[in-house]
Each structure stands twice: as C-alpha cells, then as structure tokens.
C-alpha cells in the first residue's frame, strides 16, 4: 500500500487525453475562480485517497485497481474510435455492435457514479441496494459475486465511509444502470473541423435520472470529436455550441478543452446565460 498512488482521478487521465489539442495541450476553466490555465491531465480532477478503503487493519486501493482494469478496456475502444473517427461507416456501425454497446453503457455508468458530487445520491441509493440486487439479472449478480449476504452487510454499514465507497464506486454502477444485453438506441455525433466538444468534472448529462439509468436519454462527450447520445428520438444533428454550453453550465467546477479560446468563449457565454 505504501507504494500505491494516492492521487485517484475521478475523471480518468486516459479520458482527459481525448480532449488534448494537436499540440498535446489541455486547458481547464475553473468556474468558481474564473481562471483558465494550462494543465496536464495528471494534475486535475483527482482527490487524494478517494478510492482507498480499510479492510481490517490494512488499507487497500482495490477500487483503484478495479478501475484501472476497466479503463484499459475503455482506452482500447477509444483509441480504435479515434483512429477511425473520419470513417462514417465505422462510427455508424459501432453503435450497433453489441460489445461496444455494453462497454459504452458501462463507461457511462461508472463515470456517472465515480464523481465525488454523487456521494449524497449514493447515500440515498444505499438503502435501495438490496432491492436493486434482487431485481438484477443473473449476469449482473455474477459480476458482484452472487453474495447477497455481503450486499446486506454493506447496506447496514452504508453510514461508514469505507462501505459507502464500495457501494458508490463498484456496486451502484452495476445495479442502477441497465447493463443487460438489451440493445438501446445510442448515437455518436461527430464534431466538425472548427468546433470540438469540451468535457467537465461531471460529464454525464441528463434531465431525468430514471431515463438515464435505462440509458434512454443522456449526453456524454466521448472525446473532443465525438458525443455519445442515448435517445429514443430521431435526432440527426446537434448544435455543438449549445451542447458545450450545457456541459459548462452543469459542471461542478472544472471544464476542459484543448483550446483556450474555446473556454474563454464559453466563460463569456456562461456569464450571459446566468445573468439572463
């Protein structure tokens, strides 16, 4: 444990790299301070020991190790998508691919719950944990170990920080979202040459939490070039400026982009939007 990293990113470094400029620059707009600075992905959107828990007398980063394994799979897909981003056939077919669908759904689920701003919501859902487990299909129950007694144990100890971390960062992503093999309507919208997508410290956007959990309605910036959209509507175009302003307005604190001027423009638009 002594050699384990203590900086635990709630917005993964590999994901942030998808928003770098062609010169490998990344800028961050911090809403409360109003400043825009050049940062490296390793320097922002982390908390010390966020995923550290105590097992008996020992500290463990098992949650961080779990995330590292999952992120390796996510990163392979993101690299493949990046390499084929200008091939409309690949991007169009990808959202119909079962393996991609399941990985994309899991990525959204994990990213939604792993941000610290969801801790109060996790406390609320911890009381529903046993019911969520009982309603989950056998495959999801297998993923959480088919150990109902352990789920019940965590429910009773959800007021404890270590138990709540396991609930929030591992169990709730698997039990609240529809991660079954059922095909949902996902779309990948491509940014144009001049305008790219930004992202934030709260990148999963939604209006109705039940529609988010069923993956029927949400937005998630996949990279600066792609926006993943869950929708039951027949949408063929999106206004990138409006999407980026929405991302900025719903960020907890930090918005990132590879272009400083883009953040300057969003900062100005946000101030006008708030004033209105």
Protein backbone atom coordinates (compact mmCIF):
# COMPACT_ATOMS: atom_id res chain seq x y z
CA UNK A 1 0.00 0.00 0.00
CA UNK A 2 2.91 2.39 0.75
CA UNK A 3 3.91 2.50 -2.93
CA UNK A 4 0.35 2.83 -4.24
CA UNK A 5 -0.59 6.12 -5.90
CA UNK A 6 -2.58 8.39 -3.61
CA UNK A 7 -3.94 10.66 -6.35
CA UNK A 8 -7.13 8.98 -7.52
CA UNK A 9 -8.71 10.58 -10.58
CA UNK A 10 -12.49 10.75 -10.72
CA UNK A 11 -12.12 11.85 -14.35
CA UNK A 12 -9.58 9.36 -15.74
CA UNK A 13 -6.32 10.57 -17.27
CA UNK A 14 -6.86 8.46 -20.41
CA UNK A 15 -10.28 10.10 -20.90
CA UNK A 16 -8.90 13.62 -20.44
CA UNK A 17 -6.28 12.91 -23.11
CA UNK A 18 -9.10 12.59 -25.62
CA UNK A 19 -9.55 16.36 -25.35
CA UNK A 20 -5.93 17.41 -25.90
CA UNK A 21 -5.09 19.81 -28.71
CA UNK A 22 -2.95 18.69 -31.65
CA UNK A 23 -0.04 20.17 -29.67
CA UNK A 24 -0.97 17.99 -26.67
CA UNK A 25 -2.18 20.95 -24.63
CA UNK A 26 -5.07 20.87 -22.17
CA UNK A 27 -6.72 23.91 -20.63
CA UNK A 28 -9.03 23.99 -17.63
CA UNK A 29 -11.65 26.60 -16.74
CA UNK A 30 -12.38 26.67 -13.02
CA UNK A 31 -15.83 28.17 -12.63
CA UNK A 32 -15.59 29.46 -9.06
CA UNK A 33 -12.31 31.28 -9.71
CA UNK A 34 -12.94 32.23 -13.31
CA UNK A 35 -9.39 31.34 -14.30
CA UNK A 36 -8.25 29.37 -17.34
CA UNK A 37 -4.87 27.64 -17.13
CA UNK A 38 -2.81 25.07 -18.97
CA UNK A 39 -2.71 21.75 -17.05
CA UNK A 40 -1.65 18.20 -17.69
CA UNK A 41 -4.36 15.53 -17.20
CA UNK A 42 -2.49 14.11 -14.19
CA UNK A 43 -2.75 17.45 -12.37
CA UNK A 44 -6.50 17.92 -12.25
CA UNK A 45 -9.78 16.25 -11.30
CA UNK A 46 -8.50 13.92 -8.62
CA UNK A 47 -8.79 13.54 -4.86
CA UNK A 48 -6.20 12.02 -2.60
CA UNK A 49 -7.13 8.54 -1.39
CA UNK A 50 -10.58 8.80 -2.98
CA UNK A 51 -10.65 5.05 -3.60
CA UNK A 52 -8.66 3.95 -0.54
CA UNK A 53 -10.58 1.78 1.91
CA UNK A 54 -9.72 -0.01 5.14
CA UNK A 55 -10.01 -3.78 5.38
CA UNK A 56 -9.35 -4.67 8.99
CA UNK A 57 -6.05 -3.05 9.91
CA UNK A 58 -4.90 -2.64 6.31
CA UNK A 59 -5.56 -0.01 3.68
CA UNK A 60 -6.30 -1.16 0.14
CA UNK A 61 -6.77 0.51 -3.24
CA UNK A 62 -8.76 -2.40 -4.68
CA UNK A 63 -11.28 0.08 -6.15
CA UNK A 64 -8.50 1.96 -7.93
CA UNK A 65 -7.13 -1.34 -9.25
CA UNK A 66 -10.62 -2.34 -10.45
CA UNK A 67 -10.96 0.97 -12.29
CA UNK A 68 -7.52 0.56 -13.86
CA UNK A 69 -8.53 -2.76 -15.39
CA UNK A 70 -11.82 -1.38 -16.73
CA UNK A 71 -10.11 1.76 -18.05
CA UNK A 72 -7.70 -0.41 -20.03
CA UNK A 73 -10.67 -1.83 -21.97
CA UNK A 74 -12.23 1.62 -22.41
CA UNK A 75 -8.95 3.03 -23.67
CA UNK A 76 -8.60 0.35 -26.38
CA UNK A 77 -12.02 1.25 -27.76
CA UNK A 78 -11.33 4.97 -27.57
CA UNK A 79 -8.07 4.54 -29.47
CA UNK A 80 -9.82 2.48 -32.12
CA UNK A 81 -12.57 5.10 -32.43
CA UNK A 82 -10.03 7.92 -32.63
CA UNK A 83 -8.20 6.16 -35.45
CA UNK A 84 -11.46 5.74 -37.39
CA UNK A 85 -13.24 8.96 -36.43
CA UNK A 86 -13.37 10.17 -40.04
CA UNK A 87 -14.81 6.91 -41.32
CA UNK A 88 -18.60 7.31 -41.13
CA UNK A 89 -19.20 3.63 -41.82
CA UNK A 90 -17.15 2.54 -38.82
CA UNK A 91 -18.72 5.09 -36.46
CA UNK A 92 -22.23 4.30 -37.71
CA UNK A 93 -21.84 0.55 -37.30
CA UNK A 94 -20.07 0.81 -33.96
CA UNK A 95 -23.15 1.89 -32.03
CA UNK A 96 -24.96 -1.24 -33.27
CA UNK A 97 -22.14 -3.52 -32.12
CA UNK A 98 -23.13 -5.47 -29.02
CA UNK A 99 -19.68 -5.42 -27.43
CA UNK A 100 -19.35 -1.67 -27.94
CA UNK A 101 -22.85 -1.08 -26.58
CA UNK A 102 -22.11 -2.93 -23.37
CA UNK A 103 -18.74 -1.27 -22.89
CA UNK A 104 -20.16 2.18 -23.65
CA UNK A 105 -23.03 1.63 -21.18
CA UNK A 106 -20.59 0.50 -18.50
CA UNK A 107 -18.35 3.52 -19.16
CA UNK A 108 -21.30 5.90 -18.70
CA UNK A 109 -22.44 4.08 -15.56
CA UNK A 110 -19.04 4.11 -13.91
CA UNK A 111 -18.31 7.71 -14.88
CA UNK A 112 -21.66 8.86 -13.51
CA UNK A 113 -21.08 7.33 -10.08
CA UNK A 114 -17.33 7.86 -9.67
CA UNK A 115 -17.51 11.66 -9.28
CA UNK A 116 -17.47 12.85 -5.65
CA UNK A 117 -20.53 15.03 -6.26
CA UNK A 118 -22.62 11.83 -6.38
CA UNK A 119 -21.85 10.80 -2.79
CA UNK A 120 -25.12 12.17 -1.35
CA UNK A 121 -27.06 10.37 -4.07
CA UNK A 122 -25.12 7.19 -3.27
CA UNK A 123 -26.20 7.53 0.36
CA UNK A 124 -29.82 7.74 -0.76
CA UNK A 125 -29.50 4.70 -3.04
CA UNK A 126 -27.64 2.64 -0.45
CA UNK A 127 -30.98 1.96 1.24
CA UNK A 128 -32.27 0.52 -2.05
CA UNK A 129 -29.19 -1.63 -2.64
CA UNK A 130 -30.66 -5.00 -1.63
CA UNK A 131 -33.76 -4.46 -3.78
CA UNK A 132 -31.59 -3.42 -6.72
CA UNK A 133 -29.53 -6.57 -6.31
CA UNK A 134 -32.62 -8.81 -6.11
CA UNK A 135 -34.01 -7.28 -9.33
CA UNK A 136 -30.71 -7.54 -11.23
CA UNK A 137 -30.35 -10.29 -13.82
CA UNK A 138 -28.12 -13.29 -13.07
CA UNK A 139 -25.23 -11.94 -15.13
CA UNK A 140 -25.04 -8.74 -13.08
CA UNK A 141 -25.40 -10.73 -9.86
CA UNK A 142 -22.45 -12.85 -11.02
CA UNK A 143 -20.42 -9.67 -11.58
CA UNK A 144 -20.97 -8.61 -7.96
CA UNK A 145 -20.15 -12.09 -6.67
CA UNK A 146 -23.65 -13.53 -6.10
CA UNK A 147 -23.17 -12.71 -2.43
CA UNK A 148 -26.47 -11.38 -1.10
CA UNK A 149 -25.22 -11.52 2.48
CA UNK A 150 -22.36 -9.19 1.59
CA UNK A 151 -24.80 -6.77 -0.08
CA UNK A 152 -26.95 -6.84 3.05
CA UNK A 153 -23.87 -6.28 5.20
CA UNK A 154 -22.91 -3.21 3.17
CA UNK A 155 -26.46 -1.85 3.40
CA UNK A 156 -26.28 -1.94 7.19
CA UNK A 157 -22.87 -0.26 7.15
CA UNK A 158 -23.58 2.31 4.46
CA UNK A 159 -23.09 5.11 7.01
CA UNK A 160 -19.43 4.04 7.17
CA UNK A 161 -17.11 5.74 4.69
CA UNK A 162 -15.39 2.52 3.51
CA UNK A 163 -18.68 0.70 2.87
CA UNK A 164 -20.15 3.70 1.07
CA UNK A 165 -17.13 3.82 -1.24
CA UNK A 166 -17.66 0.20 -2.28
CA UNK A 167 -21.36 0.90 -2.78
CA UNK A 168 -20.85 4.09 -4.79
CA UNK A 169 -17.81 3.21 -6.87
CA UNK A 170 -18.41 -0.51 -7.56
CA UNK A 171 -21.96 -1.67 -6.85
CA UNK A 172 -24.20 1.22 -7.89
CA UNK A 173 -22.77 1.45 -11.44
CA UNK A 174 -23.63 -2.22 -11.91
CA UNK A 175 -27.01 -2.25 -10.17
CA UNK A 176 -28.66 1.06 -11.11
CA UNK A 177 -27.96 1.13 -14.86
CA UNK A 178 -29.46 -1.24 -17.41
CA UNK A 179 -26.30 -3.12 -18.40
CA UNK A 180 -28.15 -6.07 -19.87
CA UNK A 181 -27.67 -7.25 -23.44
CA UNK A 182 -30.79 -5.35 -24.49
CA UNK A 183 -29.93 -3.08 -27.40
CA UNK A 184 -30.56 0.61 -26.72
CA UNK A 185 -30.54 3.49 -29.16
CA UNK A 186 -27.08 5.01 -28.94
CA UNK A 187 -25.67 7.55 -31.37
CA UNK A 188 -22.21 9.00 -31.86
CA UNK A 189 -22.27 12.57 -33.15
CA UNK A 190 -19.09 13.82 -34.76
CA UNK A 191 -17.75 17.33 -34.19
CA UNK A 192 -16.90 19.40 -37.24
CA UNK A 193 -13.46 20.67 -38.24
CA UNK A 194 -13.74 24.01 -36.47
CA UNK A 195 -15.71 23.13 -33.34
CA UNK A 196 -14.88 20.41 -30.86
CA UNK A 197 -16.63 19.09 -27.78
CA UNK A 198 -15.48 20.02 -24.29
CA UNK A 199 -15.97 17.95 -21.15
CA UNK A 200 -16.08 18.53 -17.41
CA UNK A 201 -15.83 17.09 -13.93
CA UNK A 202 -19.46 15.98 -14.32
CA UNK A 203 -19.52 14.72 -17.91
CA UNK A 204 -22.70 12.59 -17.91
CA UNK A 205 -25.58 14.95 -18.70
CA UNK A 206 -29.22 14.04 -18.10
CA UNK A 207 -32.59 15.53 -17.16
CA UNK A 208 -34.40 12.50 -15.73
CA UNK A 209 -32.45 10.01 -13.63
CA UNK A 210 -34.73 7.07 -14.45
CA UNK A 211 -34.26 7.70 -18.18
CA UNK A 212 -30.51 7.93 -17.57
CA UNK A 213 -30.43 4.61 -15.71
CA UNK A 214 -32.38 2.98 -18.54
CA UNK A 215 -29.97 4.75 -20.96
CA UNK A 216 -32.89 6.25 -22.87
CA UNK A 217 -31.78 9.88 -22.53
CA UNK A 218 -28.30 11.25 -21.79
CA UNK A 219 -25.29 13.01 -23.31
CA UNK A 220 -21.68 12.02 -22.75
CA UNK A 221 -18.67 13.61 -24.50
CA UNK A 222 -16.71 10.58 -25.65
CA UNK A 223 -13.81 12.68 -26.89
CA UNK A 224 -13.30 16.14 -28.40
CA UNK A 225 -14.52 14.67 -31.69
CA UNK A 226 -17.44 12.53 -30.55
CA UNK A 227 -20.53 12.88 -28.39
CA UNK A 228 -22.32 9.73 -27.23
CA UNK A 229 -26.08 10.24 -27.05
CA UNK A 230 -28.74 7.96 -25.68
CA UNK A 231 -32.11 8.92 -27.15
CA UNK A 232 -35.38 7.43 -28.28
CA UNK A 233 -35.90 10.41 -30.59
CA UNK A 234 -34.85 10.52 -34.22
CA UNK A 235 -32.08 13.14 -33.95
CA UNK A 236 -29.73 13.66 -36.88
CA UNK A 237 -28.00 16.94 -35.98
CA UNK A 238 -26.85 18.69 -32.82
CA UNK A 239 -25.80 22.26 -32.10
CA UNK A 240 -22.24 21.87 -30.75
CA UNK A 241 -22.26 25.35 -29.20
CA UNK A 242 -25.42 24.57 -27.22
CA UNK A 243 -24.05 21.19 -26.13
CA UNK A 244 -20.80 22.75 -24.91
CA UNK A 245 -22.65 25.49 -23.03
CA UNK A 246 -24.80 22.82 -21.38
CA UNK A 247 -21.68 20.86 -20.39
CA UNK A 248 -20.16 24.03 -18.95
CA UNK A 249 -23.25 25.11 -17.06
CA UNK A 250 -23.69 21.69 -15.44
CA UNK A 251 -20.04 21.20 -14.50
CA UNK A 252 -19.40 21.20 -10.76
CA UNK A 253 -16.22 23.25 -11.07
CA UNK A 254 -13.91 22.28 -13.96
CA UNK A 255 -14.38 22.36 -17.75
CA UNK A 256 -11.54 21.20 -20.01
CA UNK A 257 -10.65 21.74 -23.65
CA UNK A 258 -7.58 21.62 -25.85
CA UNK A 259 -8.32 25.20 -26.96
CA UNK A 260 -8.00 28.10 -24.51
CA UNK A 261 -10.08 30.43 -26.67
CA UNK A 262 -12.95 27.95 -26.66
CA UNK A 263 -13.03 28.12 -22.86
CA UNK A 264 -12.80 31.91 -22.93
CA UNK A 265 -15.84 31.98 -25.21
CA UNK A 266 -17.75 29.53 -23.00
CA UNK A 267 -16.87 31.54 -19.90
CA UNK A 268 -18.34 34.64 -21.54
CA UNK A 269 -21.45 32.79 -22.72
CA UNK A 270 -21.94 31.26 -19.26
CA UNK A 271 -21.86 34.67 -17.55
CA UNK A 272 -24.50 35.96 -20.01
CA UNK A 273 -26.57 32.80 -19.55
CA UNK A 274 -26.50 33.16 -15.74
CA UNK A 275 -27.32 36.87 -15.95
CA UNK A 276 -30.30 36.15 -18.18
